[in-house]
Amino acid sequence: MLKLIVVIVSVDITDQIIETARKAGATGATVIHEVRGEGLKASKTFLGLDFTSIRDAILFVAADSCAQDIMNAIQEVGGFDDNPGSGIAFQIAIEDAVGLRSQMPYILESMDEDT
């Protein structure tokens, strides 16, 4: 089974998160630049200018067997639970996917290593 790992972080640590995820088993990443979100409290503005930091959404497709390792590594680098507002990461099961032909041998290899 495959997992989609979604990470939303400050642009300052995007490259570090990708590098960390690769070391933990991710075979690639898709970055969506300049996403915006709000936490429990609405962001402050001044004369219509938004003071929230710019964030990136990073998407990883990974084998179920290494998804938790990637999540743990991302958490360690991002410190999401230790620093409120620093980011969020979550994983979702993928029922079906196309367009992964070049990555599937590596994903399947990581699945075989864990069995």
PDB file of N, CA and C in Angstrom:
ATOM      1  N   MET A   1       0.839  -1.177   0.000  1.00  0.00           N
ATOM      2  CA  MET A   1       0.000   0.000   0.000  1.00  0.00           C
ATOM      3  C   MET A   1       0.890   1.248   0.000  1.00  0.00           C
ATOM      4  N   LEU A   2       0.386   2.298  -0.587  1.00  0.00           N
ATOM      5  CA  LEU A   2       1.105   3.562  -0.640  1.00  0.00           C
ATOM      6  C   LEU A   2       0.473   4.576   0.303  1.00  0.00           C
ATOM      7  N   LYS A   3       1.284   5.515   0.733  1.00  0.00           N
ATOM      8  CA  LYS A   3       0.820   6.611   1.590  1.00  0.00           C
ATOM      9  C   LYS A   3       1.193   7.934   0.946  1.00  0.00           C
ATOM     10  N   LEU A   4       0.354   8.929   1.136  1.00  0.00           N
ATOM     11  CA  LEU A   4       0.660  10.303   0.769  1.00  0.00           C
ATOM     12  C   LEU A   4       0.983  11.032   2.060  1.00  0.00           C
ATOM     13  N   ILE A   5       2.186  11.570   2.141  1.00  0.00           N
ATOM     14  CA  ILE A   5       2.587  12.356   3.304  1.00  0.00           C
ATOM     15  C   ILE A   5       2.523  13.819   2.895  1.00  0.00           C
ATOM     16  N   VAL A   6       1.776  14.601   3.651  1.00  0.00           N
ATOM     17  CA  VAL A   6       1.620  16.026   3.394  1.00  0.00           C
ATOM     18  C   VAL A   6       2.290  16.785   4.528  1.00  0.00           C
ATOM     19  N   VAL A   7       3.178  17.698   4.172  1.00  0.00           N
ATOM     20  CA  VAL A   7       3.899  18.496   5.160  1.00  0.00           C
ATOM     21  C   VAL A   7       3.709  19.963   4.803  1.00  0.00           C
ATOM     22  N   ILE A   8       3.331  20.765   5.770  1.00  0.00           N
ATOM     23  CA  ILE A   8       3.193  22.209   5.554  1.00  0.00           C
ATOM     24  C   ILE A   8       4.124  22.905   6.534  1.00  0.00           C
ATOM     25  N   VAL A   9       5.114  23.609   5.971  1.00  0.00           N
ATOM     26  CA  VAL A   9       6.160  24.235   6.788  1.00  0.00           C
ATOM     27  C   VAL A   9       6.556  25.586   6.219  1.00  0.00           C
ATOM     28  N   SER A  10       7.285  26.340   7.015  1.00  0.00           N
ATOM     29  CA  SER A  10       7.864  27.594   6.573  1.00  0.00           C
ATOM     30  C   SER A  10       8.836  27.318   5.426  1.00  0.00           C
ATOM     31  N   VAL A  11       8.877  28.218   4.457  1.00  0.00           N
ATOM     32  CA  VAL A  11       9.765  28.029   3.305  1.00  0.00           C
ATOM     33  C   VAL A  11      11.227  27.913   3.740  1.00  0.00           C
ATOM     34  N   ASP A  12      11.544  28.429   4.907  1.00  0.00           N
ATOM     35  CA  ASP A  12      12.920  28.388   5.407  1.00  0.00           C
ATOM     36  C   ASP A  12      13.440  26.968   5.611  1.00  0.00           C
ATOM     37  N   ILE A  13      12.557  26.021   5.890  1.00  0.00           N
ATOM     38  CA  ILE A  13      13.027  24.661   6.159  1.00  0.00           C
ATOM     39  C   ILE A  13      12.553  23.645   5.121  1.00  0.00           C
ATOM     40  N   THR A  14      11.963  24.100   4.029  1.00  0.00           N
ATOM     41  CA  THR A  14      11.477  23.184   2.990  1.00  0.00           C
ATOM     42  C   THR A  14      12.579  22.250   2.506  1.00  0.00           C
ATOM     43  N   ASP A  15      13.729  22.800   2.132  1.00  0.00           N
ATOM     44  CA  ASP A  15      14.819  21.965   1.617  1.00  0.00           C
ATOM     45  C   ASP A  15      15.325  20.981   2.663  1.00  0.00           C
ATOM     46  N   GLN A  16      15.366  21.414   3.903  1.00  0.00           N
ATOM     47  CA  GLN A  16      15.823  20.538   4.983  1.00  0.00           C
ATOM     48  C   GLN A  16      14.838  19.387   5.200  1.00  0.00           C
ATOM     49  N   ILE A  17      13.545  19.671   5.104  1.00  0.00           N
ATOM     50  CA  ILE A  17      12.524  18.627   5.250  1.00  0.00           C
ATOM     51  C   ILE A  17      12.638  17.620   4.120  1.00  0.00           C
ATOM     52  N   ILE A  18      12.820  18.088   2.880  1.00  0.00           N
ATOM     53  CA  ILE A  18      12.947  17.191   1.736  1.00  0.00           C
ATOM     54  C   ILE A  18      14.188  16.308   1.881  1.00  0.00           C
ATOM     55  N   GLU A  19      15.301  16.905   2.248  1.00  0.00           N
ATOM     56  CA  GLU A  19      16.541  16.146   2.429  1.00  0.00           C
ATOM     57  C   GLU A  19      16.375  15.081   3.513  1.00  0.00           C
ATOM     58  N   THR A  20      15.750  15.445   4.602  1.00  0.00           N
ATOM     59  CA  THR A  20      15.518  14.513   5.707  1.00  0.00           C
ATOM     60  C   THR A  20      14.603  13.376   5.277  1.00  0.00           C
ATOM     61  N   ALA A  21      13.540  13.706   4.554  1.00  0.00           N
ATOM     62  CA  ALA A  21      12.604  12.681   4.085  1.00  0.00           C
ATOM     63  C   ALA A  21      13.285  11.716   3.121  1.00  0.00           C
ATOM     64  N   ARG A  22      14.138  12.240   2.247  1.00  0.00           N
ATOM     65  CA  ARG A  22      14.872  11.371   1.309  1.00  0.00           C
ATOM     66  C   ARG A  22      15.767  10.388   2.070  1.00  0.00           C
ATOM     67  N   LYS A  23      16.456  10.883   3.085  1.00  0.00           N
ATOM     68  CA  LYS A  23      17.320  10.008   3.884  1.00  0.00           C
ATOM     69  C   LYS A  23      16.517   8.932   4.603  1.00  0.00           C
ATOM     70  N   ALA A  24      15.244   9.227   4.895  1.00  0.00           N
ATOM     71  CA  ALA A  24      14.381   8.275   5.598  1.00  0.00           C
ATOM     72  C   ALA A  24      13.635   7.349   4.644  1.00  0.00           C
ATOM     73  N   GLY A  25      13.815   7.543   3.314  1.00  0.00           N
ATOM     74  CA  GLY A  25      13.206   6.618   2.367  1.00  0.00           C
ATOM     75  C   GLY A  25      12.309   7.213   1.304  1.00  0.00           C
ATOM     76  N   ALA A  26      12.060   8.508   1.325  1.00  0.00           N
ATOM     77  CA  ALA A  26      11.227   9.129   0.289  1.00  0.00           C
ATOM     78  C   ALA A  26      11.965   9.096  -1.044  1.00  0.00           C
ATOM     79  N   THR A  27      11.237   8.809  -2.117  1.00  0.00           N
ATOM     80  CA  THR A  27      11.857   8.713  -3.439  1.00  0.00           C
ATOM     81  C   THR A  27      11.696   9.991  -4.254  1.00  0.00           C
ATOM     82  N   GLY A  28      10.971  10.956  -3.747  1.00  0.00           N
ATOM     83  CA  GLY A  28      10.770  12.216  -4.455  1.00  0.00           C
ATOM     84  C   GLY A  28       9.834  13.106  -3.663  1.00  0.00           C
ATOM     85  N   ALA A  29       9.634  14.300  -4.163  1.00  0.00           N
ATOM     86  CA  ALA A  29       8.762  15.250  -3.469  1.00  0.00           C
ATOM     87  C   ALA A  29       8.154  16.204  -4.479  1.00  0.00           C
ATOM     88  N   THR A  30       6.974  16.694  -4.152  1.00  0.00           N
ATOM     89  CA  THR A  30       6.330  17.764  -4.913  1.00  0.00           C
ATOM     90  C   THR A  30       6.137  18.920  -3.945  1.00  0.00           C
ATOM     91  N   VAL A  31       6.567  20.110  -4.338  1.00  0.00           N
ATOM     92  CA  VAL A  31       6.439  21.287  -3.482  1.00  0.00           C
ATOM     93  C   VAL A  31       5.432  22.238  -4.106  1.00  0.00           C
ATOM     94  N   ILE A  32       4.464  22.644  -3.316  1.00  0.00           N
ATOM     95  CA  ILE A  32       3.510  23.666  -3.716  1.00  0.00           C
ATOM     96  C   ILE A  32       3.887  24.910  -2.923  1.00  0.00           C
ATOM     97  N   HIS A  33       4.355  25.925  -3.628  1.00  0.00           N
ATOM     98  CA  HIS A  33       4.879  27.120  -2.967  1.00  0.00           C
ATOM     99  C   HIS A  33       3.774  28.080  -2.520  1.00  0.00           C
ATOM    100  N   GLU A  34       4.071  28.756  -1.440  1.00  0.00           N
ATOM    101  CA  GLU A  34       3.278  29.860  -0.921  1.00  0.00           C
ATOM    102  C   GLU A  34       1.817  29.509  -0.650  1.00  0.00           C
ATOM    103  N   VAL A  35       1.631  28.512   0.219  1.00  0.00           N
ATOM    104  CA  VAL A  35       0.289  28.190   0.693  1.00  0.00           C
ATOM    105  C   VAL A  35       0.036  28.979   1.964  1.00  0.00           C
ATOM    106  N   ARG A  36      -1.203  29.120   2.331  1.00  0.00           N
ATOM    107  CA  ARG A  36      -1.536  29.909   3.514  1.00  0.00           C
ATOM    108  C   ARG A  36      -2.551  29.156   4.349  1.00  0.00           C
ATOM    109  N   GLY A  37      -2.428  29.267   5.642  1.00  0.00           N
ATOM    110  CA  GLY A  37      -3.376  28.648   6.550  1.00  0.00           C
ATOM    111  C   GLY A  37      -3.428  29.427   7.847  1.00  0.00           C
ATOM    112  N   GLU A  38      -4.387  29.081   8.669  1.00  0.00           N
ATOM    113  CA  GLU A  38      -4.528  29.733   9.970  1.00  0.00           C
ATOM    114  C   GLU A  38      -4.714  28.687  11.038  1.00  0.00           C
ATOM    115  N   GLY A  39      -4.178  28.945  12.199  1.00  0.00           N
ATOM    116  CA  GLY A  39      -4.334  28.060  13.339  1.00  0.00           C
ATOM    117  C   GLY A  39      -5.551  28.452  14.166  1.00  0.00           C
ATOM    118  N   LEU A  40      -5.438  28.267  15.465  1.00  0.00           N
ATOM    119  CA  LEU A  40      -6.554  28.584  16.353  1.00  0.00           C
ATOM    120  C   LEU A  40      -6.909  30.066  16.344  1.00  0.00           C
ATOM    121  N   LYS A  41      -5.909  30.901  16.196  1.00  0.00           N
ATOM    122  CA  LYS A  41      -6.130  32.343  16.196  1.00  0.00           C
ATOM    123  C   LYS A  41      -5.918  32.896  14.791  1.00  0.00           C
ATOM    124  N   ALA A  42      -6.792  33.800  14.392  1.00  0.00           N
ATOM    125  CA  ALA A  42      -6.661  34.411  13.064  1.00  0.00           C
ATOM    126  C   ALA A  42      -5.373  35.220  13.000  1.00  0.00           C
ATOM    127  N   SER A  43      -4.791  35.279  11.809  1.00  0.00           N
ATOM    128  CA  SER A  43      -3.545  36.019  11.643  1.00  0.00           C
ATOM    129  C   SER A  43      -3.804  37.521  11.717  1.00  0.00           C
ATOM    130  N   LYS A  44      -2.773  38.252  12.124  1.00  0.00           N
ATOM    131  CA  LYS A  44      -2.884  39.697  12.249  1.00  0.00           C
ATOM    132  C   LYS A  44      -2.541  40.371  10.929  1.00  0.00           C
ATOM    133  N   THR A  45      -3.213  41.448  10.670  1.00  0.00           N
ATOM    134  CA  THR A  45      -2.919  42.222   9.464  1.00  0.00           C
ATOM    135  C   THR A  45      -2.714  43.679   9.856  1.00  0.00           C
ATOM    136  N   PHE A  46      -2.036  44.400   9.008  1.00  0.00           N
ATOM    137  CA  PHE A  46      -1.831  45.826   9.201  1.00  0.00           C
ATOM    138  C   PHE A  46      -2.036  46.503   7.855  1.00  0.00           C
ATOM    139  N   LEU A  47      -3.052  47.328   7.767  1.00  0.00           N
ATOM    140  CA  LEU A  47      -3.396  47.997   6.516  1.00  0.00           C
ATOM    141  C   LEU A  47      -3.556  47.020   5.357  1.00  0.00           C
ATOM    142  N   GLY A  48      -4.168  45.877   5.658  1.00  0.00           N
ATOM    143  CA  GLY A  48      -4.420  44.888   4.627  1.00  0.00           C
ATOM    144  C   GLY A  48      -3.256  43.967   4.323  1.00  0.00           C
ATOM    145  N   LEU A  49      -2.097  44.182   4.953  1.00  0.00           N
ATOM    146  CA  LEU A  49      -0.940  43.309   4.734  1.00  0.00           C
ATOM    147  C   LEU A  49      -0.972  42.160   5.739  1.00  0.00           C
ATOM    148  N   ASP A  50      -0.749  40.980   5.265  1.00  0.00           N
ATOM    149  CA  ASP A  50      -0.797  39.788   6.094  1.00  0.00           C
ATOM    150  C   ASP A  50       0.568  39.535   6.726  1.00  0.00           C
ATOM    151  N   PHE A  51       0.604  39.282   8.032  1.00  0.00           N
ATOM    152  CA  PHE A  51       1.861  39.043   8.739  1.00  0.00           C
ATOM    153  C   PHE A  51       2.191  37.559   8.906  1.00  0.00           C
ATOM    154  N   THR A  52       1.381  36.675   8.329  1.00  0.00           N
ATOM    155  CA  THR A  52       1.696  35.256   8.463  1.00  0.00           C
ATOM    156  C   THR A  52       2.903  34.922   7.607  1.00  0.00           C
ATOM    157  N   SER A  53       3.674  33.956   8.059  1.00  0.00           N
ATOM    158  CA  SER A  53       4.856  33.567   7.296  1.00  0.00           C
ATOM    159  C   SER A  53       4.442  32.766   6.065  1.00  0.00           C
ATOM    160  N   ILE A  54       5.256  32.836   5.046  1.00  0.00           N
ATOM    161  CA  ILE A  54       4.996  32.093   3.824  1.00  0.00           C
ATOM    162  C   ILE A  54       5.319  30.627   4.081  1.00  0.00           C
ATOM    163  N   ARG A  55       4.464  29.766   3.621  1.00  0.00           N
ATOM    164  CA  ARG A  55       4.620  28.334   3.845  1.00  0.00           C
ATOM    165  C   ARG A  55       4.617  27.584   2.525  1.00  0.00           C
ATOM    166  N   ASP A  56       5.220  26.411   2.555  1.00  0.00           N
ATOM    167  CA  ASP A  56       5.188  25.496   1.418  1.00  0.00           C
ATOM    168  C   ASP A  56       4.446  24.240   1.841  1.00  0.00           C
ATOM    169  N   ALA A  57       3.753  23.631   0.902  1.00  0.00           N
ATOM    170  CA  ALA A  57       3.175  22.302   1.102  1.00  0.00           C
ATOM    171  C   ALA A  57       4.064  21.329   0.342  1.00  0.00           C
ATOM    172  N   ILE A  58       4.526  20.296   1.027  1.00  0.00           N
ATOM    173  CA  ILE A  58       5.402  19.299   0.427  1.00  0.00           C
ATOM    174  C   ILE A  58       4.662  17.969   0.437  1.00  0.00           C
ATOM    175  N   LEU A  59       4.623  17.319  -0.722  1.00  0.00           N
ATOM    176  CA  LEU A  59       3.916  16.050  -0.861  1.00  0.00           C
ATOM    177  C   LEU A  59       4.916  14.937  -1.169  1.00  0.00           C
ATOM    178  N   PHE A  60       4.800  13.842  -0.443  1.00  0.00           N
ATOM    179  CA  PHE A  60       5.641  12.664  -0.665  1.00  0.00           C
ATOM    180  C   PHE A  60       4.735  11.458  -0.861  1.00  0.00           C
ATOM    181  N   VAL A  61       5.030  10.616  -1.840  1.00  0.00           N
ATOM    182  CA  VAL A  61       4.374   9.315  -1.975  1.00  0.00           C
ATOM    183  C   VAL A  61       5.396   8.289  -1.516  1.00  0.00           C
ATOM    184  N   ALA A  62       4.980   7.449  -0.576  1.00  0.00           N
ATOM    185  CA  ALA A  62       5.917   6.484   0.006  1.00  0.00           C
ATOM    186  C   ALA A  62       5.222   5.159   0.245  1.00  0.00           C
ATOM    187  N   ALA A  63       6.019   4.120   0.306  1.00  0.00           N
ATOM    188  CA  ALA A  63       5.500   2.806   0.698  1.00  0.00           C
ATOM    189  C   ALA A  63       5.037   2.884   2.143  1.00  0.00           C
ATOM    190  N   ASP A  64       3.964   2.188   2.425  1.00  0.00           N
ATOM    191  CA  ASP A  64       3.424   2.164   3.784  1.00  0.00           C
ATOM    192  C   ASP A  64       4.495   1.762   4.797  1.00  0.00           C
ATOM    193  N   SER A  65       5.377   0.869   4.394  1.00  0.00           N
ATOM    194  CA  SER A  65       6.390   0.343   5.306  1.00  0.00           C
ATOM    195  C   SER A  65       7.427   1.376   5.742  1.00  0.00           C
ATOM    196  N   CYS A  66       7.642   2.426   4.951  1.00  0.00           N
ATOM    197  CA  CYS A  66       8.626   3.438   5.361  1.00  0.00           C
ATOM    198  C   CYS A  66       7.979   4.791   5.665  1.00  0.00           C
ATOM    199  N   ALA A  67       6.665   4.895   5.527  1.00  0.00           N
ATOM    200  CA  ALA A  67       5.979   6.174   5.759  1.00  0.00           C
ATOM    201  C   ALA A  67       6.174   6.676   7.193  1.00  0.00           C
ATOM    202  N   GLN A  68       6.086   5.786   8.166  1.00  0.00           N
ATOM    203  CA  GLN A  68       6.233   6.224   9.556  1.00  0.00           C
ATOM    204  C   GLN A  68       7.661   6.679   9.851  1.00  0.00           C
ATOM    205  N   ASP A  69       8.647   6.031   9.237  1.00  0.00           N
ATOM    206  CA  ASP A  69      10.036   6.462   9.400  1.00  0.00           C
ATOM    207  C   ASP A  69      10.215   7.884   8.851  1.00  0.00           C
ATOM    208  N   ILE A  70       9.590   8.146   7.711  1.00  0.00           N
ATOM    209  CA  ILE A  70       9.660   9.485   7.119  1.00  0.00           C
ATOM    210  C   ILE A  70       8.977  10.496   8.030  1.00  0.00           C
ATOM    211  N   MET A  71       7.798  10.141   8.539  1.00  0.00           N
ATOM    212  CA  MET A  71       7.081  11.041   9.452  1.00  0.00           C
ATOM    213  C   MET A  71       7.914  11.338  10.700  1.00  0.00           C
ATOM    214  N   ASN A  72       8.528  10.313  11.279  1.00  0.00           N
ATOM    215  CA  ASN A  72       9.347  10.506  12.485  1.00  0.00           C
ATOM    216  C   ASN A  72      10.537  11.413  12.211  1.00  0.00           C
ATOM    217  N   ALA A  73      11.187  11.219  11.060  1.00  0.00           N
ATOM    218  CA  ALA A  73      12.343  12.052  10.705  1.00  0.00           C
ATOM    219  C   ALA A  73      11.926  13.499  10.480  1.00  0.00           C
ATOM    220  N   ILE A  74      10.797  13.696   9.817  1.00  0.00           N
ATOM    221  CA  ILE A  74      10.282  15.054   9.568  1.00  0.00           C
ATOM    222  C   ILE A  74       9.943  15.734  10.892  1.00  0.00           C
ATOM    223  N   GLN A  75       9.311  14.995  11.787  1.00  0.00           N
ATOM    224  CA  GLN A  75       8.958  15.553  13.099  1.00  0.00           C
ATOM    225  C   GLN A  75      10.201  15.985  13.861  1.00  0.00           C
ATOM    226  N   GLU A  76      11.240  15.167  13.795  1.00  0.00           N
ATOM    227  CA  GLU A  76      12.474  15.485  14.512  1.00  0.00           C
ATOM    228  C   GLU A  76      13.089  16.793  14.005  1.00  0.00           C
ATOM    229  N   VAL A  77      13.116  16.961  12.693  1.00  0.00           N
ATOM    230  CA  VAL A  77      13.704  18.168  12.100  1.00  0.00           C
ATOM    231  C   VAL A  77      12.790  19.376  12.279  1.00  0.00           C
ATOM    232  N   GLY A  78      11.489  19.166  12.051  1.00  0.00           N
ATOM    233  CA  GLY A  78      10.542  20.282  12.118  1.00  0.00           C
ATOM    234  C   GLY A  78      10.141  20.674  13.529  1.00  0.00           C
ATOM    235  N   GLY A  79      10.186  19.736  14.455  1.00  0.00           N
ATOM    236  CA  GLY A  79       9.800  20.015  15.837  1.00  0.00           C
ATOM    237  C   GLY A  79       8.379  20.527  15.968  1.00  0.00           C
ATOM    238  N   PHE A  80       7.457  19.972  15.185  1.00  0.00           N
ATOM    239  CA  PHE A  80       6.090  20.483  15.135  1.00  0.00           C
ATOM    240  C   PHE A  80       5.378  20.461  16.485  1.00  0.00           C
ATOM    241  N   ASP A  81       5.573  19.391  17.256  1.00  0.00           N
ATOM    242  CA  ASP A  81       4.900  19.305  18.552  1.00  0.00           C
ATOM    243  C   ASP A  81       5.549  20.199  19.607  1.00  0.00           C
ATOM    244  N   ASP A  82       6.827  20.502  19.435  1.00  0.00           N
ATOM    245  CA  ASP A  82       7.548  21.326  20.400  1.00  0.00           C
ATOM    246  C   ASP A  82       7.370  22.823  20.159  1.00  0.00           C
ATOM    247  N   ASN A  83       7.111  23.199  18.911  1.00  0.00           N
ATOM    248  CA  ASN A  83       7.004  24.613  18.531  1.00  0.00           C
ATOM    249  C   ASN A  83       5.684  24.867  17.822  1.00  0.00           C
ATOM    250  N   PRO A  84       4.632  25.224  18.568  1.00  0.00           N
ATOM    251  CA  PRO A  84       3.333  25.467  17.945  1.00  0.00           C
ATOM    252  C   PRO A  84       3.442  26.481  16.802  1.00  0.00           C
ATOM    253  N   GLY A  85       2.770  26.168  15.707  1.00  0.00           N
ATOM    254  CA  GLY A  85       2.785  27.049  14.556  1.00  0.00           C
ATOM    255  C   GLY A  85       3.942  26.814  13.600  1.00  0.00           C
ATOM    256  N   SER A  86       4.828  25.844  13.941  1.00  0.00           N
ATOM    257  CA  SER A  86       5.999  25.613  13.091  1.00  0.00           C
ATOM    258  C   SER A  86       5.681  24.754  11.879  1.00  0.00           C
ATOM    259  N   GLY A  87       4.599  24.019  11.916  1.00  0.00           N
ATOM    260  CA  GLY A  87       4.226  23.199  10.779  1.00  0.00           C
ATOM    261  C   GLY A  87       3.349  22.042  11.180  1.00  0.00           C
ATOM    262  N   ILE A  88       2.981  21.277  10.170  1.00  0.00           N
ATOM    263  CA  ILE A  88       2.131  20.111  10.378  1.00  0.00           C
ATOM    264  C   ILE A  88       2.504  19.061   9.345  1.00  0.00           C
ATOM    265  N   ALA A  89       2.365  17.809   9.714  1.00  0.00           N
ATOM    266  CA  ALA A  89       2.581  16.704   8.781  1.00  0.00           C
ATOM    267  C   ALA A  89       1.546  15.631   9.076  1.00  0.00           C
ATOM    268  N   PHE A  90       1.031  15.024   8.021  1.00  0.00           N
ATOM    269  CA  PHE A  90       0.086  13.928   8.192  1.00  0.00           C
ATOM    270  C   PHE A  90       0.185  13.005   6.982  1.00  0.00           C
ATOM    271  N   GLN A  91      -0.333  11.787   7.152  1.00  0.00           N
ATOM    272  CA  GLN A  91      -0.296  10.827   6.062  1.00  0.00           C
ATOM    273  C   GLN A  91      -1.692  10.296   5.777  1.00  0.00           C
ATOM    274  N   ILE A  92      -1.912   9.978   4.502  1.00  0.00           N
ATOM    275  CA  ILE A  92      -3.204   9.496   4.026  1.00  0.00           C
ATOM    276  C   ILE A  92      -2.940   8.262   3.163  1.00  0.00           C
ATOM    277  N   ALA A  93      -3.764   7.247   3.313  1.00  0.00           N
ATOM    278  CA  ALA A  93      -3.639   6.049   2.476  1.00  0.00           C
ATOM    279  C   ALA A  93      -4.036   6.385   1.044  1.00  0.00           C
ATOM    280  N   ILE A  94      -3.280   5.862   0.090  1.00  0.00           N
ATOM    281  CA  ILE A  94      -3.571   6.057  -1.330  1.00  0.00           C
ATOM    282  C   ILE A  94      -4.199   4.767  -1.857  1.00  0.00           C
ATOM    283  N   GLU A  95      -5.377   4.885  -2.410  1.00  0.00           N
ATOM    284  CA  GLU A  95      -6.051   3.721  -2.963  1.00  0.00           C
ATOM    285  C   GLU A  95      -5.485   3.349  -4.328  1.00  0.00           C
ATOM    286  N   ASP A  96      -5.170   4.359  -5.138  1.00  0.00           N
ATOM    287  CA  ASP A  96      -4.681   4.113  -6.488  1.00  0.00           C
ATOM    288  C   ASP A  96      -3.862   5.319  -6.923  1.00  0.00           C
ATOM    289  N   ALA A  97      -2.888   5.103  -7.798  1.00  0.00           N
ATOM    290  CA  ALA A  97      -2.063   6.208  -8.297  1.00  0.00           C
ATOM    291  C   ALA A  97      -1.531   5.855  -9.676  1.00  0.00           C
ATOM    292  N   VAL A  98      -1.396   6.858 -10.523  1.00  0.00           N
ATOM    293  CA  VAL A  98      -0.768   6.702 -11.831  1.00  0.00           C
ATOM    294  C   VAL A  98       0.334   7.746 -11.931  1.00  0.00           C
ATOM    295  N   GLY A  99       1.237   7.570 -12.868  1.00  0.00           N
ATOM    296  CA  GLY A  99       2.316   8.535 -13.052  1.00  0.00           C
ATOM    297  C   GLY A  99       3.533   8.292 -12.187  1.00  0.00           C
ATOM    298  N   LEU A 100       3.595   7.123 -11.583  1.00  0.00           N
ATOM    299  CA  LEU A 100       4.725   6.799 -10.701  1.00  0.00           C
ATOM    300  C   LEU A 100       5.646   5.747 -11.310  1.00  0.00           C
ATOM    301  N   ARG A 101       5.558   5.530 -12.608  1.00  0.00           N
ATOM    302  CA  ARG A 101       6.310   4.444 -13.250  1.00  0.00           C
ATOM    303  C   ARG A 101       7.808   4.497 -12.928  1.00  0.00           C
ATOM    304  N   SER A 102       8.396   5.678 -12.964  1.00  0.00           N
ATOM    305  CA  SER A 102       9.843   5.770 -12.716  1.00  0.00           C
ATOM    306  C   SER A 102      10.200   5.528 -11.253  1.00  0.00           C
ATOM    307  N   GLN A 103       9.287   5.776 -10.338  1.00  0.00           N
ATOM    308  CA  GLN A 103       9.577   5.604  -8.917  1.00  0.00           C
ATOM    309  C   GLN A 103       9.147   4.250  -8.367  1.00  0.00           C
ATOM    310  N   MET A 104       8.229   3.567  -9.048  1.00  0.00           N
ATOM    311  CA  MET A 104       7.680   2.327  -8.505  1.00  0.00           C
ATOM    312  C   MET A 104       8.727   1.253  -8.201  1.00  0.00           C
ATOM    313  N   PRO A 105       9.760   1.064  -9.039  1.00  0.00           N
ATOM    314  CA  PRO A 105      10.763   0.048  -8.653  1.00  0.00           C
ATOM    315  C   PRO A 105      11.402   0.342  -7.289  1.00  0.00           C
ATOM    316  N   TYR A 106      11.652   1.600  -6.993  1.00  0.00           N
ATOM    317  CA  TYR A 106      12.269   1.981  -5.716  1.00  0.00           C
ATOM    318  C   TYR A 106      11.274   1.846  -4.568  1.00  0.00           C
ATOM    319  N   ILE A 107      10.034   2.214  -4.820  1.00  0.00           N
ATOM    320  CA  ILE A 107       8.998   2.078  -3.786  1.00  0.00           C
ATOM    321  C   ILE A 107       8.768   0.604  -3.478  1.00  0.00           C
ATOM    322  N   LEU A 108       8.650  -0.219  -4.532  1.00  0.00           N
ATOM    323  CA  LEU A 108       8.444  -1.656  -4.334  1.00  0.00           C
ATOM    324  C   LEU A 108       9.633  -2.303  -3.640  1.00  0.00           C
ATOM    325  N   GLU A 109      10.827  -1.849  -3.960  1.00  0.00           N
ATOM    326  CA  GLU A 109      12.042  -2.362  -3.315  1.00  0.00           C
ATOM    327  C   GLU A 109      11.995  -2.092  -1.808  1.00  0.00           C
ATOM    328  N   SER A 110      11.572  -0.898  -1.424  1.00  0.00           N
ATOM    329  CA  SER A 110      11.504  -0.585   0.004  1.00  0.00           C
ATOM    330  C   SER A 110      10.411  -1.401   0.677  1.00  0.00           C
ATOM    331  N   MET A 111       9.357  -1.751  -0.066  1.00  0.00           N
ATOM    332  CA  MET A 111       8.308  -2.604   0.500  1.00  0.00           C
ATOM    333  C   MET A 111       8.836  -4.022   0.684  1.00  0.00           C
ATOM    334  N   ASP A 112       9.627  -4.522  -0.271  1.00  0.00           N
ATOM    335  CA  ASP A 112      10.181  -5.869  -0.178  1.00  0.00           C
ATOM    336  C   ASP A 112      11.191  -5.998   0.963  1.00  0.00           C
ATOM    337  N   GLU A 113      11.953  -4.939   1.214  1.00  0.00           N
ATOM    338  CA  GLU A 113      12.962  -4.969   2.271  1.00  0.00           C
ATOM    339  C   GLU A 113      12.334  -5.138   3.638  1.00  0.00           C
ATOM    340  N   ASP A 114      11.094  -4.680   3.792  1.00  0.00           N
ATOM    341  CA  ASP A 114      10.445  -4.742   5.092  1.00  0.00           C
ATOM    342  C   ASP A 114       9.672  -6.035   5.329  1.00  0.00           C
ATOM    343  N   THR A 115       9.608  -6.905   4.317  1.00  0.00           N
ATOM    344  CA  THR A 115       8.858  -8.162   4.511  1.00  0.00           C
ATOM    345  C   THR A 115       9.778  -9.305   4.822  1.00  0.00           C
TER     346      THR A 115
END
